[in-house]
Amino acid sequence: KEGVRDPSWYAALEARMAEAGAVIRANRHHAV
């Protein structure tokens, strides 16, 4: 929203999101 374009700021957050997101996906499929 603030229009920040520095890729290094995003990379660290996206790495954390990817790790958590993969766990969420696996847990959901396991539950089903």
All heavy atoms as atom14 arrays in JSON, in Angstrom:
{
  "sequence": "KEGVRDPSWYAALEARMAEAGAVIRANRHHAV",
  "atom14_mask": [
    [1, 1, 1, 1, 1, 1, 1, 1, 1, 0, 0, 0, 0, 0],
    [1, 1, 1, 1, 1, 1, 1, 1, 1, 0, 0, 0, 0, 0],
    [1, 1, 1, 1, 0, 0, 0, 0, 0, 0, 0, 0, 0, 0],
    [1, 1, 1, 1, 1, 1, 1, 0, 0, 0, 0, 0, 0, 0],
    [1, 1, 1, 1, 1, 1, 1, 1, 1, 1, 1, 0, 0, 0],
    [1, 1, 1, 1, 1, 1, 1, 1, 0, 0, 0, 0, 0, 0],
    [1, 1, 1, 1, 1, 1, 1, 0, 0, 0, 0, 0, 0, 0],
    [1, 1, 1, 1, 1, 1, 0, 0, 0, 0, 0, 0, 0, 0],
    [1, 1, 1, 1, 1, 1, 1, 1, 1, 1, 1, 1, 1, 1],
    [1, 1, 1, 1, 1, 1, 1, 1, 1, 1, 1, 1, 0, 0],
    [1, 1, 1, 1, 1, 0, 0, 0, 0, 0, 0, 0, 0, 0],
    [1, 1, 1, 1, 1, 0, 0, 0, 0, 0, 0, 0, 0, 0],
    [1, 1, 1, 1, 1, 1, 1, 1, 0, 0, 0, 0, 0, 0],
    [1, 1, 1, 1, 1, 1, 1, 1, 1, 0, 0, 0, 0, 0],
    [1, 1, 1, 1, 1, 0, 0, 0, 0, 0, 0, 0, 0, 0],
    [1, 1, 1, 1, 1, 1, 1, 1, 1, 1, 1, 0, 0, 0],
    [1, 1, 1, 1, 1, 1, 1, 1, 0, 0, 0, 0, 0, 0],
    [1, 1, 1, 1, 1, 0, 0, 0, 0, 0, 0, 0, 0, 0],
    [1, 1, 1, 1, 1, 1, 1, 1, 1, 0, 0, 0, 0, 0],
    [1, 1, 1, 1, 1, 0, 0, 0, 0, 0, 0, 0, 0, 0],
    [1, 1, 1, 1, 0, 0, 0, 0, 0, 0, 0, 0, 0, 0],
    [1, 1, 1, 1, 1, 0, 0, 0, 0, 0, 0, 0, 0, 0],
    [1, 1, 1, 1, 1, 1, 1, 0, 0, 0, 0, 0, 0, 0],
    [1, 1, 1, 1, 1, 1, 1, 1, 0, 0, 0, 0, 0, 0],
    [1, 1, 1, 1, 1, 1, 1, 1, 1, 1, 1, 0, 0, 0],
    [1, 1, 1, 1, 1, 0, 0, 0, 0, 0, 0, 0, 0, 0],
    [1, 1, 1, 1, 1, 1, 1, 1, 0, 0, 0, 0, 0, 0],
    [1, 1, 1, 1, 1, 1, 1, 1, 1, 1, 1, 0, 0, 0],
    [1, 1, 1, 1, 1, 1, 1, 1, 1, 1, 0, 0, 0, 0],
    [1, 1, 1, 1, 1, 1, 1, 1, 1, 1, 0, 0, 0, 0],
    [1, 1, 1, 1, 1, 0, 0, 0, 0, 0, 0, 0, 0, 0],
    [1, 1, 1, 1, 1, 1, 1, 0, 0, 0, 0, 0, 0, 0]
  ],
  "atom14_positions": [
    [[0.82, -1.21, 0.0], [0.0, 0.0, 0.0], [0.85, 1.26, 0.0], [0.45, 2.29, -0.54], [-0.93, -0.02, 1.21], [-2.02, -1.07, 1.13], [-2.85, -1.1, 2.41], [-3.92, -2.18, 2.33], [-4.7, -2.28, 3.6], [0.0, 0.0, 0.0], [0.0, 0.0, 0.0], [0.0, 0.0, 0.0], [0.0, 0.0, 0.0], [0.0, 0.0, 0.0]],
    [[2.03, 1.18, 0.62], [2.92, 2.33, 0.66], [3.78, 2.46, -0.59], [4.54, 3.42, -0.72], [3.81, 2.26, 1.9], [3.03, 2.41, 3.21], [3.91, 2.22, 4.43], [5.12, 1.91, 4.27], [3.4, 2.39, 5.56], [0.0, 0.0, 0.0], [0.0, 0.0, 0.0], [0.0, 0.0, 0.0], [0.0, 0.0, 0.0], [0.0, 0.0, 0.0]],
    [[3.65, 1.49, -1.5], [4.39, 1.55, -2.76], [5.87, 1.24, -2.63], [6.66, 1.64, -3.5], [0.0, 0.0, 0.0], [0.0, 0.0, 0.0], [0.0, 0.0, 0.0], [0.0, 0.0, 0.0], [0.0, 0.0, 0.0], [0.0, 0.0, 0.0], [0.0, 0.0, 0.0], [0.0, 0.0, 0.0], [0.0, 0.0, 0.0], [0.0, 0.0, 0.0]],
    [[6.29, 0.57, -1.57], [7.7, 0.2, -1.39], [8.09, -0.82, -2.46], [7.39, -1.8, -2.68], [7.92, -0.38, 0.02], [9.35, -0.87, 0.17], [7.58, 0.66, 1.07], [0.0, 0.0, 0.0], [0.0, 0.0, 0.0], [0.0, 0.0, 0.0], [0.0, 0.0, 0.0], [0.0, 0.0, 0.0], [0.0, 0.0, 0.0], [0.0, 0.0, 0.0]],
    [[9.25, -0.58, -3.13], [9.67, -1.46, -4.21], [10.98, -2.2, -3.92], [11.4, -3.02, -4.72], [9.82, -0.66, -5.51], [8.5, -0.07, -5.98], [8.62, 0.62, -7.32], [7.33, 1.1, -7.78], [6.45, 0.37, -8.45], [6.72, -0.9, -8.73], [5.29, 0.89, -8.83], [0.0, 0.0, 0.0], [0.0, 0.0, 0.0], [0.0, 0.0, 0.0]],
    [[11.59, -1.94, -2.8], [12.85, -2.6, -2.47], [12.62, -4.1, -2.3], [11.93, -4.54, -1.37], [13.4, -2.01, -1.17], [14.79, -2.54, -0.82], [15.19, -3.57, -1.38], [15.47, -1.92, 0.01], [0.0, 0.0, 0.0], [0.0, 0.0, 0.0], [0.0, 0.0, 0.0], [0.0, 0.0, 0.0], [0.0, 0.0, 0.0], [0.0, 0.0, 0.0]],
    [[13.2, -4.96, -3.19], [12.92, -6.4, -3.12], [13.41, -7.06, -1.84], [12.87, -8.08, -1.42], [13.66, -6.96, -4.34], [14.7, -5.93, -4.69], [14.09, -4.62, -4.32], [0.0, 0.0, 0.0], [0.0, 0.0, 0.0], [0.0, 0.0, 0.0], [0.0, 0.0, 0.0], [0.0, 0.0, 0.0], [0.0, 0.0, 0.0], [0.0, 0.0, 0.0]],
    [[14.42, -6.5, -1.2], [14.94, -7.12, 0.01], [13.92, -7.08, 1.14], [13.88, -7.98, 1.99], [16.24, -6.42, 0.45], [16.0, -5.06, 0.77], [0.0, 0.0, 0.0], [0.0, 0.0, 0.0], [0.0, 0.0, 0.0], [0.0, 0.0, 0.0], [0.0, 0.0, 0.0], [0.0, 0.0, 0.0], [0.0, 0.0, 0.0], [0.0, 0.0, 0.0]],
    [[13.1, -6.03, 1.18], [12.06, -5.93, 2.21], [11.03, -7.05, 2.02], [10.56, -7.64, 3.0], [11.35, -4.58, 2.13], [12.17, -3.43, 2.64], [13.23, -2.84, 2.02], [12.0, -2.73, 3.87], [13.73, -1.82, 2.78], [12.99, -1.73, 3.93], [11.1, -2.85, 4.93], [13.11, -0.85, 5.01], [11.2, -1.97, 6.0], [12.2, -1.0, 6.04]],
    [[10.68, -7.31, 0.76], [9.69, -8.34, 0.47], [10.24, -9.75, 0.65], [9.54, -10.65, 1.12], [9.16, -8.18, -0.96], [8.3, -6.97, -1.16], [8.82, -5.8, -1.7], [6.95, -6.98, -0.8], [8.03, -4.67, -1.88], [6.16, -5.86, -0.97], [6.7, -4.71, -1.51], [5.92, -3.6, -1.68], [0.0, 0.0, 0.0], [0.0, 0.0, 0.0]],
    [[11.48, -9.95, 0.29], [12.05, -11.3, 0.3], [11.99, -11.94, 1.67], [11.62, -13.12, 1.82], [13.49, -11.26, -0.22], [0.0, 0.0, 0.0], [0.0, 0.0, 0.0], [0.0, 0.0, 0.0], [0.0, 0.0, 0.0], [0.0, 0.0, 0.0], [0.0, 0.0, 0.0], [0.0, 0.0, 0.0], [0.0, 0.0, 0.0], [0.0, 0.0, 0.0]],
    [[12.35, -11.17, 2.71], [12.35, -11.73, 4.05], [10.94, -12.1, 4.49], [10.71, -13.16, 5.08], [12.97, -10.74, 5.02], [0.0, 0.0, 0.0], [0.0, 0.0, 0.0], [0.0, 0.0, 0.0], [0.0, 0.0, 0.0], [0.0, 0.0, 0.0], [0.0, 0.0, 0.0], [0.0, 0.0, 0.0], [0.0, 0.0, 0.0], [0.0, 0.0, 0.0]],
    [[9.97, -11.21, 4.21], [8.59, -11.5, 4.58], [8.04, -12.68, 3.8], [7.35, -13.54, 4.35], [7.72, -10.26, 4.34], [7.92, -9.08, 5.29], [7.15, -7.87, 4.78], [7.46, -9.44, 6.69], [0.0, 0.0, 0.0], [0.0, 0.0, 0.0], [0.0, 0.0, 0.0], [0.0, 0.0, 0.0], [0.0, 0.0, 0.0], [0.0, 0.0, 0.0]],
    [[8.34, -12.72, 2.51], [7.81, -13.8, 1.68], [8.38, -15.16, 2.06], [7.69, -16.19, 1.94], [8.07, -13.47, 0.21], [7.18, -12.34, -0.29], [7.65, -11.72, -1.6], [8.68, -12.17, -2.15], [6.98, -10.78, -2.08], [0.0, 0.0, 0.0], [0.0, 0.0, 0.0], [0.0, 0.0, 0.0], [0.0, 0.0, 0.0], [0.0, 0.0, 0.0]],
    [[9.61, -15.18, 2.53], [10.19, -16.45, 2.99], [9.42, -16.96, 4.21], [9.12, -18.17, 4.31], [11.67, -16.26, 3.32], [0.0, 0.0, 0.0], [0.0, 0.0, 0.0], [0.0, 0.0, 0.0], [0.0, 0.0, 0.0], [0.0, 0.0, 0.0], [0.0, 0.0, 0.0], [0.0, 0.0, 0.0], [0.0, 0.0, 0.0], [0.0, 0.0, 0.0]],
    [[9.1, -16.05, 5.15], [8.32, -16.45, 6.33], [6.91, -16.87, 5.94], [6.37, -17.86, 6.46], [8.28, -15.3, 7.33], [9.59, -15.16, 8.1], [9.8, -13.78, 8.69], [8.61, -13.18, 9.29], [8.51, -11.89, 9.55], [9.51, -11.06, 9.25], [7.44, -11.4, 10.12], [0.0, 0.0, 0.0], [0.0, 0.0, 0.0], [0.0, 0.0, 0.0]],
    [[6.32, -16.12, 5.02], [4.97, -16.46, 4.58], [4.94, -17.82, 3.89], [4.03, -18.62, 4.11], [4.44, -15.38, 3.63], [4.15, -14.05, 4.31], [3.75, -12.73, 3.12], [2.17, -13.3, 2.5], [0.0, 0.0, 0.0], [0.0, 0.0, 0.0], [0.0, 0.0, 0.0], [0.0, 0.0, 0.0], [0.0, 0.0, 0.0], [0.0, 0.0, 0.0]],
    [[5.94, -18.08, 3.07], [5.97, -19.35, 2.33], [6.1, -20.53, 3.28], [5.43, -21.56, 3.09], [7.13, -19.33, 1.34], [0.0, 0.0, 0.0], [0.0, 0.0, 0.0], [0.0, 0.0, 0.0], [0.0, 0.0, 0.0], [0.0, 0.0, 0.0], [0.0, 0.0, 0.0], [0.0, 0.0, 0.0], [0.0, 0.0, 0.0], [0.0, 0.0, 0.0]],
    [[6.94, -20.39, 4.29], [7.1, -21.48, 5.25], [5.8, -21.75, 5.99], [5.37, -22.91, 6.12], [8.21, -21.12, 6.25], [8.5, -22.21, 7.27], [9.62, -21.84, 8.22], [10.23, -20.77, 8.04], [9.87, -22.63, 9.14], [0.0, 0.0, 0.0], [0.0, 0.0, 0.0], [0.0, 0.0, 0.0], [0.0, 0.0, 0.0], [0.0, 0.0, 0.0]],
    [[5.16, -20.68, 6.48], [3.89, -20.85, 7.2], [2.79, -21.31, 6.27], [1.97, -22.17, 6.62], [3.5, -19.54, 7.87], [0.0, 0.0, 0.0], [0.0, 0.0, 0.0], [0.0, 0.0, 0.0], [0.0, 0.0, 0.0], [0.0, 0.0, 0.0], [0.0, 0.0, 0.0], [0.0, 0.0, 0.0], [0.0, 0.0, 0.0], [0.0, 0.0, 0.0]],
    [[2.75, -20.77, 5.05], [1.7, -21.13, 4.1], [1.75, -22.58, 3.7], [0.7, -23.23, 3.54], [0.0, 0.0, 0.0], [0.0, 0.0, 0.0], [0.0, 0.0, 0.0], [0.0, 0.0, 0.0], [0.0, 0.0, 0.0], [0.0, 0.0, 0.0], [0.0, 0.0, 0.0], [0.0, 0.0, 0.0], [0.0, 0.0, 0.0], [0.0, 0.0, 0.0]],
    [[2.95, -23.13, 3.54], [3.09, -24.54, 3.19], [2.57, -25.43, 4.32], [1.94, -26.47, 4.07], [4.54, -24.87, 2.87], [0.0, 0.0, 0.0], [0.0, 0.0, 0.0], [0.0, 0.0, 0.0], [0.0, 0.0, 0.0], [0.0, 0.0, 0.0], [0.0, 0.0, 0.0], [0.0, 0.0, 0.0], [0.0, 0.0, 0.0], [0.0, 0.0, 0.0]],
    [[2.84, -25.02, 5.55], [2.34, -25.78, 6.7], [0.82, -25.73, 6.75], [0.15, -26.74, 6.98], [2.95, -25.23, 8.01], [2.28, -25.87, 9.23], [4.45, -25.49, 8.04], [0.0, 0.0, 0.0], [0.0, 0.0, 0.0], [0.0, 0.0, 0.0], [0.0, 0.0, 0.0], [0.0, 0.0, 0.0], [0.0, 0.0, 0.0], [0.0, 0.0, 0.0]],
    [[0.26, -24.54, 6.52], [-1.2, -24.39, 6.53], [-1.84, -25.28, 5.47], [-2.81, -26.0, 5.74], [-1.58, -22.92, 6.28], [-1.17, -22.06, 7.48], [-3.08, -22.77, 6.03], [-1.28, -20.57, 7.24], [0.0, 0.0, 0.0], [0.0, 0.0, 0.0], [0.0, 0.0, 0.0], [0.0, 0.0, 0.0], [0.0, 0.0, 0.0], [0.0, 0.0, 0.0]],
    [[-1.27, -25.26, 4.28], [-1.81, -26.07, 3.19], [-1.76, -27.56, 3.53], [-2.74, -28.3, 3.35], [-1.04, -25.81, 1.9], [-1.59, -26.56, 0.69], [-0.75, -26.34, -0.56], [-1.39, -26.9, -1.72], [-1.37, -28.2, -2.04], [-0.73, -29.05, -1.26], [-1.98, -28.64, -3.12], [0.0, 0.0, 0.0], [0.0, 0.0, 0.0], [0.0, 0.0, 0.0]],
    [[-0.62, -28.02, 4.03], [-0.47, -29.44, 4.37], [-1.44, -29.84, 5.47], [-2.07, -30.92, 5.4], [0.97, -29.71, 4.79], [0.0, 0.0, 0.0], [0.0, 0.0, 0.0], [0.0, 0.0, 0.0], [0.0, 0.0, 0.0], [0.0, 0.0, 0.0], [0.0, 0.0, 0.0], [0.0, 0.0, 0.0], [0.0, 0.0, 0.0], [0.0, 0.0, 0.0]],
    [[-1.59, -28.99, 6.48], [-2.5, -29.32, 7.58], [-3.94, -29.37, 7.11], [-4.73, -30.22, 7.56], [-2.35, -28.28, 8.7], [-1.03, -28.37, 9.43], [-0.32, -29.37, 9.33], [-0.69, -27.32, 10.16], [0.0, 0.0, 0.0], [0.0, 0.0, 0.0], [0.0, 0.0, 0.0], [0.0, 0.0, 0.0], [0.0, 0.0, 0.0], [0.0, 0.0, 0.0]],
    [[-4.33, -28.46, 6.24], [-5.7, -28.47, 5.73], [-5.99, -29.74, 4.94], [-7.05, -30.36, 5.11], [-5.94, -27.23, 4.85], [-6.07, -25.92, 5.62], [-6.16, -24.74, 4.68], [-6.44, -23.49, 5.38], [-6.48, -22.3, 4.77], [-6.25, -22.21, 3.46], [-6.74, -21.2, 5.47], [0.0, 0.0, 0.0], [0.0, 0.0, 0.0], [0.0, 0.0, 0.0]],
    [[-5.07, -30.13, 4.07], [-5.29, -31.34, 3.28], [-5.29, -32.57, 4.18], [-6.06, -33.52, 3.95], [-4.23, -31.45, 2.19], [-4.51, -30.56, 1.01], [-5.3, -30.95, -0.04], [-4.11, -29.29, 0.73], [-5.38, -29.97, -0.94], [-4.66, -28.95, -0.48], [0.0, 0.0, 0.0], [0.0, 0.0, 0.0], [0.0, 0.0, 0.0], [0.0, 0.0, 0.0]],
    [[-4.45, -32.56, 5.2], [-4.45, -33.67, 6.16], [-5.8, -33.76, 6.87], [-6.34, -34.86, 7.06], [-3.33, -33.45, 7.19], [-3.34, -34.43, 8.32], [-2.98, -35.76, 8.17], [-3.67, -34.28, 9.64], [-3.09, -36.37, 9.33], [-3.5, -35.51, 10.23], [0.0, 0.0, 0.0], [0.0, 0.0, 0.0], [0.0, 0.0, 0.0], [0.0, 0.0, 0.0]],
    [[-6.36, -32.62, 7.24], [-7.65, -32.6, 7.93], [-8.76, -33.15, 7.04], [-9.6, -33.95, 7.49], [-7.98, -31.18, 8.37], [0.0, 0.0, 0.0], [0.0, 0.0, 0.0], [0.0, 0.0, 0.0], [0.0, 0.0, 0.0], [0.0, 0.0, 0.0], [0.0, 0.0, 0.0], [0.0, 0.0, 0.0], [0.0, 0.0, 0.0], [0.0, 0.0, 0.0]],
    [[-8.77, -32.75, 5.77], [-9.79, -33.24, 4.84], [-9.66, -34.76, 4.67], [-10.68, -35.48, 4.65], [-9.67, -32.52, 3.49], [-10.49, -33.22, 2.41], [-10.11, -31.07, 3.62], [0.0, 0.0, 0.0], [0.0, 0.0, 0.0], [0.0, 0.0, 0.0], [0.0, 0.0, 0.0], [0.0, 0.0, 0.0], [0.0, 0.0, 0.0], [0.0, 0.0, 0.0]]
  ]
}
